[in-house]
Amino acid sequence: MKKEDAVIIKKMVKYCDDVDALMVRFDKNFEQYKKDISFQYSCNMCIIQIGELVNRLSDEIKEANQGIPWSAIRGMRNFHAHDYENVDLEIVWNTLIEDIPALKEKLENLLRK
């Protein structure tokens, strides 16, 4: 793995950790997420940053790891950045609860290779 890719992946893992810390802080409570705009914005900024970092990864790392949904991650970022008023909070919540932890595990596995 290129050194640049490893640095980017570590940053992505850090944003996954940030999401996890927010989930712990707010007891993984969807009702709280719906009511607390700061909670929403904090989590959503992590999603945006993760998607932005995908763009900086080399084509080689993305092609070698097609089990990671790179284009979907980037698409979620674009949706948050360009069409935020139409974001479905339940879809985002599922991303935060299910997809971010799974992504973190896959990214950490890449770093161990």
Protein backbone atom coordinates (compact mmCIF):
# COMPACT_ATOMS: atom_id res chain seq x y z
CA MET A 1 0.00 0.00 0.00
CA LYS A 2 1.20 3.47 -0.84
CA LYS A 3 2.13 5.63 2.13
CA GLU A 4 -0.36 8.30 1.00
CA ASP A 5 -3.19 5.74 0.95
CA ALA A 6 -2.31 4.58 4.46
CA VAL A 7 -2.41 8.17 5.74
CA ILE A 8 -5.81 8.75 4.13
CA ILE A 9 -7.23 5.48 5.45
CA LYS A 10 -6.07 6.37 8.96
CA LYS A 11 -7.93 9.68 8.66
CA MET A 12 -11.04 7.81 7.55
CA VAL A 13 -10.76 5.50 10.56
CA LYS A 14 -10.49 8.57 12.80
CA TYR A 15 -13.79 9.92 11.42
CA CYS A 16 -15.37 6.50 12.03
CA ASP A 17 -14.09 6.74 15.61
CA ASP A 18 -15.61 10.21 15.89
CA VAL A 19 -18.99 8.81 14.83
CA ASP A 20 -18.64 6.06 17.40
CA ALA A 21 -17.83 8.61 20.13
CA LEU A 22 -20.94 10.59 19.19
CA MET A 23 -23.05 7.45 19.30
CA VAL A 24 -21.74 6.68 22.78
CA ARG A 25 -22.27 10.26 23.95
CA PHE A 26 -25.89 10.21 22.80
CA ASP A 27 -26.60 6.58 23.78
CA LYS A 28 -27.26 5.54 20.17
CA ASN A 29 -30.62 7.23 20.51
CA PHE A 30 -32.38 7.92 17.21
CA GLU A 31 -34.96 10.18 18.85
CA GLN A 32 -32.15 12.31 20.24
CA TYR A 33 -30.53 12.37 16.79
CA LYS A 34 -33.77 13.60 15.21
CA LYS A 35 -34.12 16.39 17.78
CA ASP A 36 -30.52 17.55 18.19
CA ILE A 37 -29.25 19.47 15.17
CA SER A 38 -25.72 19.58 16.62
CA PHE A 39 -25.70 15.79 16.87
CA GLN A 40 -26.91 15.57 13.26
CA TYR A 41 -24.39 18.08 11.95
CA SER A 42 -21.52 16.46 13.81
CA CYS A 43 -22.28 13.00 12.45
CA ASN A 44 -23.02 14.28 8.99
CA MET A 45 -19.76 16.20 8.81
CA CYS A 46 -17.94 12.92 9.52
CA ILE A 47 -19.82 11.31 6.63
CA ILE A 48 -18.87 14.19 4.36
CA GLN A 49 -15.22 13.99 5.38
CA ILE A 50 -15.05 10.21 4.86
CA GLY A 51 -16.54 10.63 1.39
CA GLU A 52 -14.14 13.42 0.57
CA LEU A 53 -11.18 11.28 1.60
CA VAL A 54 -12.30 8.49 -0.75
CA ASN A 55 -11.55 10.85 -3.62
CA ARG A 56 -7.95 11.16 -2.45
CA LEU A 57 -7.29 7.41 -2.43
CA SER A 58 -5.37 5.93 -5.33
CA ASP A 59 -7.25 4.04 -8.01
CA GLU A 60 -5.05 1.05 -7.20
CA ILE A 61 -6.24 0.76 -3.60
CA LYS A 62 -9.87 1.15 -4.64
CA GLU A 63 -9.58 -1.41 -7.42
CA ALA A 64 -7.78 -3.87 -5.14
CA ASN A 65 -10.52 -3.53 -2.50
CA GLN A 66 -13.78 -3.59 -4.39
CA GLY A 67 -15.55 -5.09 -1.38
CA ILE A 68 -15.65 -1.57 0.03
CA PRO A 69 -18.44 0.46 -1.60
CA TRP A 70 -16.25 3.43 -2.58
CA SER A 71 -18.77 4.97 -4.98
CA ALA A 72 -21.62 4.66 -2.46
CA ILE A 73 -19.49 6.36 0.19
CA ARG A 74 -18.71 9.16 -2.23
CA GLY A 75 -22.39 9.35 -3.24
CA MET A 76 -23.47 9.74 0.37
CA ARG A 77 -20.96 12.57 0.74
CA ASN A 78 -22.29 14.31 -2.35
CA PHE A 79 -25.86 13.97 -1.18
CA HIS A 80 -25.02 15.52 2.20
CA ALA A 81 -22.96 18.30 0.67
CA HIS A 82 -25.27 19.25 -2.21
CA ASP A 83 -28.81 18.21 -1.28
CA TYR A 84 -28.76 18.38 2.52
CA GLU A 85 -32.35 19.54 2.95
CA ASN A 86 -33.53 16.26 1.39
CA VAL A 87 -31.48 13.95 3.59
CA ASP A 88 -33.58 11.16 5.12
CA LEU A 89 -32.60 10.94 8.78
CA GLU A 90 -33.50 7.24 9.03
CA ILE A 91 -31.19 6.37 6.14
CA VAL A 92 -28.41 8.42 7.67
CA TRP A 93 -29.01 6.80 11.06
CA ASN A 94 -28.68 3.34 9.53
CA THR A 95 -25.46 4.46 7.89
CA LEU A 96 -24.14 5.69 11.23
CA ILE A 97 -25.17 2.59 13.17
CA GLU A 98 -24.42 -0.14 10.62
CA ASP A 99 -22.27 1.07 7.73
CA ILE A 100 -19.72 3.22 9.55
CA PRO A 101 -18.67 0.45 11.99
CA ALA A 102 -18.44 -2.04 9.10
CA LEU A 103 -16.39 0.43 7.08
CA LYS A 104 -14.06 1.01 10.00
CA GLU A 105 -13.43 -2.72 10.32
CA LYS A 106 -12.65 -3.03 6.60
CA LEU A 107 -10.34 -0.02 6.69
CA GLU A 108 -8.48 -1.35 9.73
CA ASN A 109 -8.04 -4.67 7.91
CA LEU A 110 -6.49 -2.80 4.98
CA LEU A 111 -4.02 -1.13 7.29
CA ARG A 112 -2.96 -4.53 8.70
CA LYS A 113 -2.04 -5.90 5.25
